Amino acid sequence: MDYKNLRTVQQIADEAPFATVGQLRWWIFHARTNGFASAVVKVGGRVYIDVVAFNKWLADKRLAA
């Protein structure tokens, strides 16, 4: 993991308009059951999201067309 790929919840919400802060926090809260734990990095009391892992998680959630 590269630290340059880490973003705060607010930064992700700013970069990805489809994901609100509330939605991201819900995904983080349920990370163990929805698979989002692979994208979450907790350091002390701070929560960061690995952008590369986040994009992979989103791609895995895509519906087959």
N, C-alpha and C. Protein backbone atom coordinates (compact mmCIF):
# COMPACT_ATOMS: atom_id res chain seq x y z
N MET A 1 0.85 -1.17 0.00
CA MET A 1 0.00 0.00 0.00
C MET A 1 0.90 1.24 0.00
N ASP A 2 0.54 2.17 -0.81
CA ASP A 2 1.28 3.42 -0.92
C ASP A 2 0.50 4.51 -0.19
N TYR A 3 1.16 5.20 0.73
CA TYR A 3 0.48 6.24 1.50
C TYR A 3 -0.07 7.35 0.61
N LYS A 4 0.46 7.51 -0.58
CA LYS A 4 -0.02 8.54 -1.50
C LYS A 4 -1.43 8.23 -2.01
N ASN A 5 -1.87 6.99 -1.84
CA ASN A 5 -3.20 6.58 -2.28
C ASN A 5 -4.26 6.74 -1.20
N LEU A 6 -3.85 7.18 -0.01
CA LEU A 6 -4.80 7.30 1.09
C LEU A 6 -5.53 8.65 1.04
N ARG A 7 -6.84 8.60 1.30
CA ARG A 7 -7.68 9.80 1.32
C ARG A 7 -8.56 9.76 2.56
N THR A 8 -8.97 10.92 3.03
CA THR A 8 -9.94 10.98 4.11
C THR A 8 -11.32 10.74 3.51
N VAL A 9 -12.29 10.54 4.38
CA VAL A 9 -13.66 10.34 3.93
C VAL A 9 -14.13 11.57 3.15
N GLN A 10 -13.83 12.75 3.65
CA GLN A 10 -14.24 13.98 2.98
C GLN A 10 -13.58 14.12 1.61
N GLN A 11 -12.32 13.77 1.50
CA GLN A 11 -11.62 13.86 0.21
C GLN A 11 -12.25 12.92 -0.82
N ILE A 12 -12.61 11.71 -0.40
CA ILE A 12 -13.26 10.77 -1.32
C ILE A 12 -14.60 11.33 -1.75
N ALA A 13 -15.37 11.88 -0.80
CA ALA A 13 -16.68 12.45 -1.12
C ALA A 13 -16.53 13.62 -2.09
N ASP A 14 -15.48 14.40 -1.96
CA ASP A 14 -15.24 15.52 -2.87
C ASP A 14 -14.85 15.03 -4.27
N GLU A 15 -14.07 13.95 -4.33
CA GLU A 15 -13.59 13.43 -5.61
C GLU A 15 -14.64 12.59 -6.33
N ALA A 16 -15.51 11.93 -5.57
CA ALA A 16 -16.50 11.02 -6.15
C ALA A 16 -17.90 11.50 -5.76
N PRO A 17 -18.53 12.32 -6.59
CA PRO A 17 -19.82 12.92 -6.22
C PRO A 17 -20.94 11.91 -5.97
N PHE A 18 -20.81 10.68 -6.43
CA PHE A 18 -21.84 9.67 -6.19
C PHE A 18 -21.79 9.15 -4.76
N ALA A 19 -20.69 9.37 -4.06
CA ALA A 19 -20.52 8.87 -2.70
C ALA A 19 -20.54 10.04 -1.72
N THR A 20 -21.57 10.10 -0.92
CA THR A 20 -21.66 11.16 0.08
C THR A 20 -20.86 10.74 1.32
N VAL A 21 -20.60 11.70 2.19
CA VAL A 21 -19.90 11.41 3.43
C VAL A 21 -20.69 10.38 4.24
N GLY A 22 -22.01 10.56 4.29
CA GLY A 22 -22.85 9.62 5.02
C GLY A 22 -22.79 8.22 4.45
N GLN A 23 -22.82 8.11 3.13
CA GLN A 23 -22.73 6.80 2.48
C GLN A 23 -21.39 6.13 2.77
N LEU A 24 -20.32 6.90 2.67
CA LEU A 24 -19.00 6.35 2.94
C LEU A 24 -18.89 5.88 4.39
N ARG A 25 -19.41 6.66 5.31
CA ARG A 25 -19.37 6.26 6.72
C ARG A 25 -20.20 5.00 6.95
N TRP A 26 -21.31 4.83 6.26
CA TRP A 26 -22.12 3.62 6.38
C TRP A 26 -21.32 2.42 5.88
N TRP A 27 -20.66 2.59 4.73
CA TRP A 27 -19.82 1.50 4.20
C TRP A 27 -18.72 1.15 5.19
N ILE A 28 -18.10 2.16 5.81
CA ILE A 28 -17.03 1.92 6.77
C ILE A 28 -17.58 1.21 8.00
N PHE A 29 -18.73 1.65 8.50
CA PHE A 29 -19.34 1.03 9.69
C PHE A 29 -19.63 -0.45 9.45
N HIS A 30 -20.05 -0.80 8.24
CA HIS A 30 -20.38 -2.17 7.89
C HIS A 30 -19.27 -2.84 7.07
N ALA A 31 -18.05 -2.36 7.20
CA ALA A 31 -16.94 -2.82 6.36
C ALA A 31 -16.66 -4.31 6.46
N ARG A 32 -16.86 -4.89 7.61
CA ARG A 32 -16.56 -6.32 7.77
C ARG A 32 -17.57 -7.19 7.05
N THR A 33 -18.79 -6.70 6.90
CA THR A 33 -19.82 -7.53 6.25
C THR A 33 -19.96 -7.24 4.77
N ASN A 34 -19.55 -6.05 4.32
CA ASN A 34 -19.73 -5.71 2.91
C ASN A 34 -18.43 -5.77 2.10
N GLY A 35 -17.33 -6.15 2.75
CA GLY A 35 -16.07 -6.28 2.04
C GLY A 35 -15.27 -5.00 1.92
N PHE A 36 -15.78 -3.90 2.45
CA PHE A 36 -15.11 -2.61 2.33
C PHE A 36 -13.86 -2.50 3.22
N ALA A 37 -13.71 -3.46 4.14
CA ALA A 37 -12.56 -3.45 5.05
C ALA A 37 -11.23 -3.48 4.29
N SER A 38 -11.24 -4.03 3.10
CA SER A 38 -10.00 -4.09 2.31
C SER A 38 -9.54 -2.70 1.86
N ALA A 39 -10.43 -1.72 1.89
CA ALA A 39 -10.09 -0.37 1.45
C ALA A 39 -9.88 0.60 2.61
N VAL A 40 -10.19 0.16 3.84
CA VAL A 40 -10.15 1.04 4.99
C VAL A 40 -8.84 0.87 5.76
N VAL A 41 -8.22 2.00 6.10
CA VAL A 41 -7.00 2.01 6.91
C VAL A 41 -7.28 2.89 8.12
N LYS A 42 -7.13 2.32 9.32
CA LYS A 42 -7.34 3.09 10.54
C LYS A 42 -6.00 3.32 11.21
N VAL A 43 -5.70 4.59 11.46
CA VAL A 43 -4.47 4.97 12.14
C VAL A 43 -4.87 5.84 13.33
N GLY A 44 -4.69 5.30 14.51
CA GLY A 44 -5.15 6.01 15.69
C GLY A 44 -6.65 6.16 15.61
N GLY A 45 -7.15 7.37 15.73
CA GLY A 45 -8.57 7.61 15.63
C GLY A 45 -9.02 8.04 14.24
N ARG A 46 -8.08 8.10 13.31
CA ARG A 46 -8.39 8.56 11.96
C ARG A 46 -8.69 7.39 11.03
N VAL A 47 -9.58 7.63 10.07
CA VAL A 47 -9.94 6.62 9.08
C VAL A 47 -9.56 7.14 7.71
N TYR A 48 -8.84 6.33 6.97
CA TYR A 48 -8.42 6.66 5.62
C TYR A 48 -8.93 5.59 4.67
N ILE A 49 -9.09 5.96 3.42
CA ILE A 49 -9.52 5.02 2.40
C ILE A 49 -8.44 4.95 1.33
N ASP A 50 -8.03 3.73 1.02
CA ASP A 50 -7.06 3.49 -0.04
C ASP A 50 -7.81 3.58 -1.37
N VAL A 51 -7.45 4.55 -2.20
CA VAL A 51 -8.17 4.82 -3.44
C VAL A 51 -8.11 3.62 -4.39
N VAL A 52 -6.98 2.96 -4.48
CA VAL A 52 -6.84 1.81 -5.38
C VAL A 52 -7.76 0.68 -4.92
N ALA A 53 -7.75 0.39 -3.63
CA ALA A 53 -8.62 -0.67 -3.10
C ALA A 53 -10.09 -0.27 -3.20
N PHE A 54 -10.39 1.01 -3.02
CA PHE A 54 -11.76 1.51 -3.15
C PHE A 54 -12.27 1.30 -4.57
N ASN A 55 -11.45 1.64 -5.55
CA ASN A 55 -11.85 1.44 -6.95
C ASN A 55 -12.04 -0.04 -7.27
N LYS A 56 -11.20 -0.91 -6.73
CA LYS A 56 -11.36 -2.34 -6.94
C LYS A 56 -12.65 -2.82 -6.28
N TRP A 57 -12.92 -2.34 -5.07
CA TRP A 57 -14.15 -2.73 -4.37
C TRP A 57 -15.38 -2.31 -5.18
N LEU A 58 -15.34 -1.10 -5.72
CA LEU A 58 -16.46 -0.62 -6.55
C LEU A 58 -16.62 -1.49 -7.79
N ALA A 59 -15.51 -1.83 -8.43
CA ALA A 59 -15.57 -2.66 -9.65
C ALA A 59 -16.16 -4.04 -9.33
N ASP A 60 -15.86 -4.56 -8.15
CA ASP A 60 -16.40 -5.87 -7.75
C ASP A 60 -17.90 -5.80 -7.48
N LYS A 61 -18.42 -4.62 -7.19
CA LYS A 61 -19.84 -4.44 -6.88
C LYS A 61 -20.68 -4.20 -8.13
N ARG A 62 -20.03 -4.07 -9.26
CA ARG A 62 -20.75 -3.82 -10.51
C ARG A 62 -21.71 -4.94 -10.86
N LEU A 63 -22.84 -4.60 -11.37
CA LEU A 63 -23.80 -5.60 -11.84
C LEU A 63 -23.40 -6.07 -13.22
N ALA A 64 -23.49 -7.34 -13.44
CA ALA A 64 -23.17 -7.88 -14.76
C ALA A 64 -24.27 -7.46 -15.74
N ALA A 65 -23.85 -6.96 -16.89
CA ALA A 65 -24.83 -6.50 -17.87
C ALA A 65 -25.12 -7.56 -18.90
